[in-house]
Amino acid sequence: MAIDFMAKPGAYYSGIRAEMLHYVPEKATCILEVGCGEGNFGASLKKEGVTVWGVEYSAEEAAVAGAKLDRVLSGDILMNMDQLPENYFDVIVCNDVLEHLTDPYTVLEKFKDKLKPDGVVISSIPNIRFFRTLFDFVVRKNWDYTDNGIMDKTHYRFFTVNSIRKMYETLGYKVLRHEGINATKSIKPLLWNLLSFGMFWDIKYLQFATVATLLKKMES
C-alpha cells in the first residue's frame, strides 16, 4: 500500500484527539490504537493497570510512540494483524484511519478475533457530506484532492453517516453510538436545513464518531 505519509506535517502525527477520549470505556484495561502516530492519544489513556498498544504505518512516528506506549508495531495494519493477540483488547481505536485503507472491511472483520467478548471498536471517520465539501462538488462541480482534510489525497475511501453504519452492521457489528463530531460554527448548514426541513442535518459535522461491538458476542 503506497501512501505518501512522509509529506504530512508534524501535527498530523502529534494530535491528541481529545474529543474522542470520552468514547473509550472507563473500565477498559487493554487498548489498541491503529494509526497511533506519535502515541499521544494512547498516552493520554494510560494509567495504572491500563495497557496500550499501537500500530503506526510510519516507522519514524512508530519509534516515537514506542517510548510512550506499551508496545508499538510499525507498518500496515493488515501485515501486522497476526502479531496482535486474539481475544485480548477491550477497545480498538481508529481515529481517522479507516478511510486511508484500501480495504477497511477486511480490517474490521479481522478485528473480531482480537476483541474480548464485550470489546468495542471506536472510529472517527471524515464526513464526505460536510457542507464545504458538498458545496464544492455539487455546486462548483469540483472533486479536487488536497494535502489534508476530507479530500486528503491519501484517502482511499469516502463515507457518509449512513455508509459508516452500514459498514459496521454488514460486518456483524452492533452500533452502540454513532454521532457527529467537530461541528462547524458556520450558519450555512442551518440555512440549508431551514430550506430543506432538516434533510441536510449531517452536513455540519466534519466527522462521525462510532462505537460498535460484535453482535454475536452480545447475544452469546
C-alpha atoms as a PDB file:
ATOM      1  CA  MET A   1       0.000   0.000   0.000  1.00  0.00           C
ATOM      2  CA  ALA A   2       1.925   3.001  -1.293  1.00  0.00           C
ATOM      3  CA  ILE A   3       0.812   6.021   0.710  1.00  0.00           C
ATOM      4  CA  ASP A   4       2.773   9.251   0.817  1.00  0.00           C
ATOM      5  CA  PHE A   5       2.633   9.958   4.531  1.00  0.00           C
ATOM      6  CA  MET A   6       6.155  11.367   4.580  1.00  0.00           C
ATOM      7  CA  ALA A   7       4.880  14.712   3.286  1.00  0.00           C
ATOM      8  CA  LYS A   8       2.445  15.128   6.164  1.00  0.00           C
ATOM      9  CA  PRO A   9       3.072  17.980   8.644  1.00  0.00           C
ATOM     10  CA  GLY A  10       4.226  17.084  12.147  1.00  0.00           C
ATOM     11  CA  ALA A  11       0.840  17.943  13.661  1.00  0.00           C
ATOM     12  CA  TYR A  12      -0.673  15.098  11.605  1.00  0.00           C
ATOM     13  CA  TYR A  13       1.020  12.600  13.935  1.00  0.00           C
ATOM     14  CA  SER A  14       1.098  14.530  17.210  1.00  0.00           C
ATOM     15  CA  GLY A  15      -2.587  15.284  17.744  1.00  0.00           C
ATOM     16  CA  ILE A  16      -4.298  14.019  20.895  1.00  0.00           C
ATOM     17  CA  ARG A  17      -7.875  13.922  19.504  1.00  0.00           C
ATOM     18  CA  ALA A  18      -9.274  14.904  22.879  1.00  0.00           C
ATOM     19  CA  GLU A  19     -12.842  14.812  21.529  1.00  0.00           C
ATOM     20  CA  MET A  20     -12.511  11.034  21.094  1.00  0.00           C
ATOM     21  CA  LEU A  21     -11.282  10.245  24.606  1.00  0.00           C
ATOM     22  CA  HIS A  22     -14.718  10.070  26.236  1.00  0.00           C
ATOM     23  CA  TYR A  23     -15.805   7.295  23.854  1.00  0.00           C
ATOM     24  CA  VAL A  24     -13.295   4.925  25.446  1.00  0.00           C
ATOM     25  CA  PRO A  25     -14.971   2.955  28.277  1.00  0.00           C
ATOM     26  CA  GLU A  26     -13.517   3.756  31.687  1.00  0.00           C
ATOM     27  CA  LYS A  27     -13.325   0.054  32.517  1.00  0.00           C
ATOM     28  CA  ALA A  28     -11.053  -0.688  29.527  1.00  0.00           C
ATOM     29  CA  THR A  29      -7.694  -2.093  30.612  1.00  0.00           C
ATOM     30  CA  CYS A  30      -6.253  -3.167  27.255  1.00  0.00           C
ATOM     31  CA  ILE A  31      -6.453  -0.766  24.325  1.00  0.00           C
ATOM     32  CA  LEU A  32      -5.144  -0.842  20.769  1.00  0.00           C
ATOM     33  CA  GLU A  33      -4.863   2.320  18.691  1.00  0.00           C
ATOM     34  CA  VAL A  34      -4.448   1.801  14.954  1.00  0.00           C
ATOM     35  CA  GLY A  35      -2.719   4.752  13.326  1.00  0.00           C
ATOM     36  CA  CYS A  36      -1.336   5.904  16.656  1.00  0.00           C
ATOM     37  CA  GLY A  37       1.079   8.485  15.215  1.00  0.00           C
ATOM     38  CA  GLU A  38       3.414   9.662  17.955  1.00  0.00           C
ATOM     39  CA  GLY A  39       1.263   7.926  20.572  1.00  0.00           C
ATOM     40  CA  ASN A  40      -0.213  10.984  22.271  1.00  0.00           C
ATOM     41  CA  PHE A  41      -3.823   9.771  22.220  1.00  0.00           C
ATOM     42  CA  GLY A  42      -2.816   6.398  23.649  1.00  0.00           C
ATOM     43  CA  ALA A  43      -0.539   8.013  26.214  1.00  0.00           C
ATOM     44  CA  SER A  44      -3.455  10.096  27.496  1.00  0.00           C
ATOM     45  CA  LEU A  45      -5.318   6.835  28.188  1.00  0.00           C
ATOM     46  CA  LYS A  46      -2.514   5.220  30.119  1.00  0.00           C
ATOM     47  CA  LYS A  47      -2.928   4.911  33.853  1.00  0.00           C
ATOM     48  CA  GLU A  48      -2.255   2.256  36.462  1.00  0.00           C
ATOM     49  CA  GLY A  49      -3.430  -1.108  35.233  1.00  0.00           C
ATOM     50  CA  VAL A  50      -4.054   0.012  31.640  1.00  0.00           C
ATOM     51  CA  THR A  51      -2.072  -1.429  28.716  1.00  0.00           C
ATOM     52  CA  VAL A  52      -1.989   0.499  25.435  1.00  0.00           C
ATOM     53  CA  TRP A  53      -0.698  -0.914  22.143  1.00  0.00           C
ATOM     54  CA  GLY A  54      -0.269   0.982  18.905  1.00  0.00           C
ATOM     55  CA  VAL A  55       0.105   0.279  15.203  1.00  0.00           C
ATOM     56  CA  GLU A  56       1.601   3.031  13.048  1.00  0.00           C
ATOM     57  CA  TYR A  57       2.334   2.944   9.311  1.00  0.00           C
ATOM     58  CA  SER A  58       5.229   5.422   9.557  1.00  0.00           C
ATOM     59  CA  ALA A  59       8.322   3.785  11.055  1.00  0.00           C
ATOM     60  CA  GLU A  60       9.665   7.125  12.280  1.00  0.00           C
ATOM     61  CA  GLU A  61       6.494   8.004  14.165  1.00  0.00           C
ATOM     62  CA  ALA A  62       6.136   4.445  15.447  1.00  0.00           C
ATOM     63  CA  ALA A  63       9.546   4.797  17.065  1.00  0.00           C
ATOM     64  CA  VAL A  64       8.383   7.934  18.876  1.00  0.00           C
ATOM     65  CA  ALA A  65       5.191   6.217  20.030  1.00  0.00           C
ATOM     66  CA  GLY A  66       7.204   3.250  21.245  1.00  0.00           C
ATOM     67  CA  ALA A  67       8.606   5.359  24.064  1.00  0.00           C
ATOM     68  CA  LYS A  68       5.092   6.228  25.290  1.00  0.00           C
ATOM     69  CA  LEU A  69       3.027   3.079  24.796  1.00  0.00           C
ATOM     70  CA  ASP A  70       3.466  -0.496  25.986  1.00  0.00           C
ATOM     71  CA  ARG A  71       4.047  -1.932  22.523  1.00  0.00           C
ATOM     72  CA  VAL A  72       4.016  -0.396  19.052  1.00  0.00           C
ATOM     73  CA  LEU A  73       4.046  -2.240  15.723  1.00  0.00           C
ATOM     74  CA  SER A  74       5.249  -0.467  12.592  1.00  0.00           C
ATOM     75  CA  GLY A  75       3.717  -0.862   9.152  1.00  0.00           C
ATOM     76  CA  ASP A  76       0.419  -1.722   7.504  1.00  0.00           C
ATOM     77  CA  ILE A  77      -2.291  -2.941   9.887  1.00  0.00           C
ATOM     78  CA  LEU A  78      -3.131  -5.999   7.782  1.00  0.00           C
ATOM     79  CA  MET A  79       0.515  -7.003   7.644  1.00  0.00           C
ATOM     80  CA  ASN A  80       0.693  -6.705  11.440  1.00  0.00           C
ATOM     81  CA  MET A  81      -2.603  -8.407  12.219  1.00  0.00           C
ATOM     82  CA  ASP A  82      -1.017 -11.771  13.051  1.00  0.00           C
ATOM     83  CA  GLN A  83       1.152 -10.093  15.700  1.00  0.00           C
ATOM     84  CA  LEU A  84      -1.903  -8.941  17.629  1.00  0.00           C
ATOM     85  CA  PRO A  85      -3.103 -11.419  20.284  1.00  0.00           C
ATOM     86  CA  GLU A  86      -6.590 -12.869  19.975  1.00  0.00           C
ATOM     87  CA  ASN A  87      -9.416 -12.142  22.391  1.00  0.00           C
ATOM     88  CA  TYR A  88      -7.181  -9.559  24.053  1.00  0.00           C
ATOM     89  CA  PHE A  89      -8.346  -5.978  23.549  1.00  0.00           C
ATOM     90  CA  ASP A  90     -11.196  -4.200  25.311  1.00  0.00           C
ATOM     91  CA  VAL A  91     -11.013  -1.394  22.776  1.00  0.00           C
ATOM     92  CA  ILE A  92      -9.613  -0.915  19.283  1.00  0.00           C
ATOM     93  CA  VAL A  93      -9.437   2.744  18.258  1.00  0.00           C
ATOM     94  CA  CYS A  94      -9.217   4.012  14.668  1.00  0.00           C
ATOM     95  CA  ASN A  95      -9.091   7.808  14.698  1.00  0.00           C
ATOM     96  CA  ASP A  96      -9.373   8.904  11.058  1.00  0.00           C
ATOM     97  CA  VAL A  97      -7.741   5.691   9.842  1.00  0.00           C
ATOM     98  CA  LEU A  98     -10.287   3.524   8.013  1.00  0.00           C
ATOM     99  CA  GLU A  99     -10.614   5.973   5.122  1.00  0.00           C
ATOM    100  CA  HIS A 100      -6.882   5.567   4.431  1.00  0.00           C
ATOM    101  CA  LEU A 101      -7.210   1.822   3.877  1.00  0.00           C
ATOM    102  CA  THR A 102      -7.871   0.151   0.543  1.00  0.00           C
ATOM    103  CA  ASP A 103      -9.949  -2.477   2.337  1.00  0.00           C
ATOM    104  CA  PRO A 104     -11.263  -1.276   5.713  1.00  0.00           C
ATOM    105  CA  TYR A 105     -13.884  -4.038   5.614  1.00  0.00           C
ATOM    106  CA  THR A 106     -11.305  -6.807   5.872  1.00  0.00           C
ATOM    107  CA  VAL A 107      -9.558  -4.946   8.682  1.00  0.00           C
ATOM    108  CA  LEU A 108     -12.786  -4.629  10.677  1.00  0.00           C
ATOM    109  CA  GLU A 109     -13.542  -8.288  10.008  1.00  0.00           C
ATOM    110  CA  LYS A 110     -10.159  -9.342  11.386  1.00  0.00           C
ATOM    111  CA  PHE A 111     -10.594  -7.135  14.448  1.00  0.00           C
ATOM    112  CA  LYS A 112     -13.324  -9.514  15.595  1.00  0.00           C
ATOM    113  CA  ASP A 113     -10.784 -12.121  16.692  1.00  0.00           C
ATOM    114  CA  LYS A 114      -8.726  -9.534  18.564  1.00  0.00           C
ATOM    115  CA  LEU A 115     -11.548  -8.188  20.739  1.00  0.00           C
ATOM    116  CA  LYS A 116     -12.677  -9.539  24.069  1.00  0.00           C
ATOM    117  CA  PRO A 117     -16.354 -10.687  24.145  1.00  0.00           C
ATOM    118  CA  ASP A 118     -17.593  -7.276  25.271  1.00  0.00           C
ATOM    119  CA  GLY A 119     -14.921  -5.289  23.408  1.00  0.00           C
ATOM    120  CA  VAL A 120     -15.645  -2.337  21.129  1.00  0.00           C
ATOM    121  CA  VAL A 121     -14.238  -0.721  18.020  1.00  0.00           C
ATOM    122  CA  ILE A 122     -14.182   3.075  18.134  1.00  0.00           C
ATOM    123  CA  SER A 123     -13.701   5.110  14.987  1.00  0.00           C
ATOM    124  CA  SER A 124     -13.669   8.670  13.784  1.00  0.00           C
ATOM    125  CA  ILE A 125     -14.342   8.886  10.038  1.00  0.00           C
ATOM    126  CA  PRO A 126     -14.498  12.049   7.877  1.00  0.00           C
ATOM    127  CA  ASN A 127     -17.911  13.015   6.523  1.00  0.00           C
ATOM    128  CA  ILE A 128     -17.857  13.422   2.731  1.00  0.00           C
ATOM    129  CA  ARG A 129     -21.144  15.358   3.044  1.00  0.00           C
ATOM    130  CA  PHE A 130     -19.564  18.070   5.218  1.00  0.00           C
ATOM    131  CA  PHE A 131     -21.120  21.252   3.875  1.00  0.00           C
ATOM    132  CA  ARG A 132     -17.950  22.774   2.402  1.00  0.00           C
ATOM    133  CA  THR A 133     -17.109  19.573   0.539  1.00  0.00           C
ATOM    134  CA  LEU A 134     -20.709  19.010  -0.542  1.00  0.00           C
ATOM    135  CA  PHE A 135     -20.958  22.550  -1.911  1.00  0.00           C
ATOM    136  CA  ASP A 136     -17.686  22.127  -3.767  1.00  0.00           C
ATOM    137  CA  PHE A 137     -18.679  19.049  -5.740  1.00  0.00           C
ATOM    138  CA  VAL A 138     -22.427  19.691  -6.100  1.00  0.00           C
ATOM    139  CA  VAL A 139     -22.402  23.401  -6.898  1.00  0.00           C
ATOM    140  CA  ARG A 140     -18.893  24.040  -8.176  1.00  0.00           C
ATOM    141  CA  LYS A 141     -18.579  20.592  -9.807  1.00  0.00           C
ATOM    142  CA  ASN A 142     -15.130  20.060  -8.279  1.00  0.00           C
ATOM    143  CA  TRP A 143     -13.598  16.868  -6.944  1.00  0.00           C
ATOM    144  CA  ASP A 144     -10.139  18.106  -6.036  1.00  0.00           C
ATOM    145  CA  TYR A 145      -7.769  16.259  -3.734  1.00  0.00           C
ATOM    146  CA  THR A 146      -5.851  18.150  -1.074  1.00  0.00           C
ATOM    147  CA  ASP A 147      -2.902  17.555   1.251  1.00  0.00           C
ATOM    148  CA  ASN A 148      -5.178  17.107   4.260  1.00  0.00           C
ATOM    149  CA  GLY A 149      -8.801  17.239   5.324  1.00  0.00           C
ATOM    150  CA  ILE A 150     -11.777  15.344   3.931  1.00  0.00           C
ATOM    151  CA  MET A 151     -10.394  15.297   0.382  1.00  0.00           C
ATOM    152  CA  ASP A 152      -6.945  14.198   1.559  1.00  0.00           C
ATOM    153  CA  LYS A 153      -5.119  12.609  -1.362  1.00  0.00           C
ATOM    154  CA  THR A 154      -4.187   9.658   0.879  1.00  0.00           C
ATOM    155  CA  HIS A 155      -7.849   8.739   1.390  1.00  0.00           C
ATOM    156  CA  TYR A 156      -8.898   5.619  -0.493  1.00  0.00           C
ATOM    157  CA  ARG A 157     -12.460   5.526   0.855  1.00  0.00           C
ATOM    158  CA  PHE A 158     -15.169   8.134   1.435  1.00  0.00           C
ATOM    159  CA  PHE A 159     -18.066   7.779   3.858  1.00  0.00           C
ATOM    160  CA  THR A 160     -21.399   9.295   4.825  1.00  0.00           C
ATOM    161  CA  VAL A 161     -23.294   8.938   8.094  1.00  0.00           C
ATOM    162  CA  ASN A 162     -25.338   6.085   6.595  1.00  0.00           C
ATOM    163  CA  SER A 163     -22.495   4.229   4.888  1.00  0.00           C
ATOM    164  CA  ILE A 164     -20.467   4.151   8.103  1.00  0.00           C
ATOM    165  CA  ARG A 165     -23.309   2.485   9.960  1.00  0.00           C
ATOM    166  CA  LYS A 166     -23.947   0.067   7.079  1.00  0.00           C
ATOM    167  CA  MET A 167     -20.272  -0.928   7.001  1.00  0.00           C
ATOM    168  CA  TYR A 168     -20.321  -1.938  10.662  1.00  0.00           C
ATOM    169  CA  GLU A 169     -23.707  -3.638  10.572  1.00  0.00           C
ATOM    170  CA  THR A 170     -22.963  -5.570   7.379  1.00  0.00           C
ATOM    171  CA  LEU A 171     -19.861  -6.983   9.059  1.00  0.00           C
ATOM    172  CA  GLY A 172     -21.825  -8.202  12.073  1.00  0.00           C
ATOM    173  CA  TYR A 173     -21.241  -5.332  14.487  1.00  0.00           C
ATOM    174  CA  LYS A 174     -23.843  -3.725  16.717  1.00  0.00           C
ATOM    175  CA  VAL A 175     -23.567   0.075  16.619  1.00  0.00           C
ATOM    176  CA  LEU A 176     -23.801   1.431  20.165  1.00  0.00           C
ATOM    177  CA  ARG A 177     -23.119   5.095  19.415  1.00  0.00           C
ATOM    178  CA  HIS A 178     -22.990   6.948  16.109  1.00  0.00           C
ATOM    179  CA  GLU A 179     -22.865  10.731  16.195  1.00  0.00           C
ATOM    180  CA  GLY A 180     -21.394  13.768  14.515  1.00  0.00           C
ATOM    181  CA  ILE A 181     -18.326  15.466  15.965  1.00  0.00           C
ATOM    182  CA  ASN A 182     -16.391  18.660  15.278  1.00  0.00           C
ATOM    183  CA  ALA A 183     -19.430  20.601  14.079  1.00  0.00           C
ATOM    184  CA  THR A 184     -18.823  23.759  12.090  1.00  0.00           C
ATOM    185  CA  LYS A 185     -19.644  27.140  13.605  1.00  0.00           C
ATOM    186  CA  SER A 186     -20.820  28.420  10.238  1.00  0.00           C
ATOM    187  CA  ILE A 187     -24.530  29.237   9.931  1.00  0.00           C
ATOM    188  CA  LYS A 188     -24.678  27.946   6.330  1.00  0.00           C
ATOM    189  CA  PRO A 189     -25.726  24.377   7.286  1.00  0.00           C
ATOM    190  CA  LEU A 190     -28.513  25.884   9.412  1.00  0.00           C
ATOM    191  CA  LEU A 191     -29.789  27.835   6.427  1.00  0.00           C
ATOM    192  CA  TRP A 192     -29.678  24.729   4.202  1.00  0.00           C
ATOM    193  CA  ASN A 193     -31.711  22.823   6.789  1.00  0.00           C
ATOM    194  CA  LEU A 194     -34.291  25.565   7.225  1.00  0.00           C
ATOM    195  CA  LEU A 195     -34.928  25.436   3.488  1.00  0.00           C
ATOM    196  CA  SER A 196     -34.962  21.613   3.318  1.00  0.00           C
ATOM    197  CA  PHE A 197     -36.842  20.783   6.542  1.00  0.00           C
ATOM    198  CA  GLY A 198     -33.723  19.216   8.085  1.00  0.00           C
ATOM    199  CA  MET A 199     -32.748  16.995   5.149  1.00  0.00           C
ATOM    200  CA  PHE A 200     -29.121  18.105   5.444  1.00  0.00           C
ATOM    201  CA  TRP A 201     -28.723  17.771   9.226  1.00  0.00           C
ATOM    202  CA  ASP A 202     -25.495  15.795   8.798  1.00  0.00           C
ATOM    203  CA  ILE A 203     -23.581  18.368   6.728  1.00  0.00           C
ATOM    204  CA  LYS A 204     -22.443  20.417   9.715  1.00  0.00           C
ATOM    205  CA  TYR A 205     -20.219  17.624  11.046  1.00  0.00           C
ATOM    206  CA  LEU A 206     -16.634  17.209   9.936  1.00  0.00           C
ATOM    207  CA  GLN A 207     -16.531  13.594  11.149  1.00  0.00           C
ATOM    208  CA  PHE A 208     -18.708  10.905  12.657  1.00  0.00           C
ATOM    209  CA  ALA A 209     -17.681   9.006  15.775  1.00  0.00           C
ATOM    210  CA  THR A 210     -18.863   5.417  16.055  1.00  0.00           C
ATOM    211  CA  VAL A 211     -18.708   2.850  18.843  1.00  0.00           C
ATOM    212  CA  ALA A 212     -19.536  -0.727  17.828  1.00  0.00           C
ATOM    213  CA  THR A 213     -19.339  -4.182  19.362  1.00  0.00           C
ATOM    214  CA  LEU A 214     -19.836  -7.641  17.886  1.00  0.00           C
ATOM    215  CA  LEU A 215     -23.489  -8.572  17.648  1.00  0.00           C
ATOM    216  CA  LYS A 216     -22.824 -12.301  18.026  1.00  0.00           C
ATOM    217  CA  LYS A 217     -20.751 -11.686  21.147  1.00  0.00           C
ATOM    218  CA  MET A 218     -23.525  -9.586  22.671  1.00  0.00           C
ATOM    219  CA  GLU A 219     -26.070 -12.330  22.020  1.00  0.00           C
ATOM    220  CA  SER A 220     -23.918 -15.260  23.169  1.00  0.00           C
END
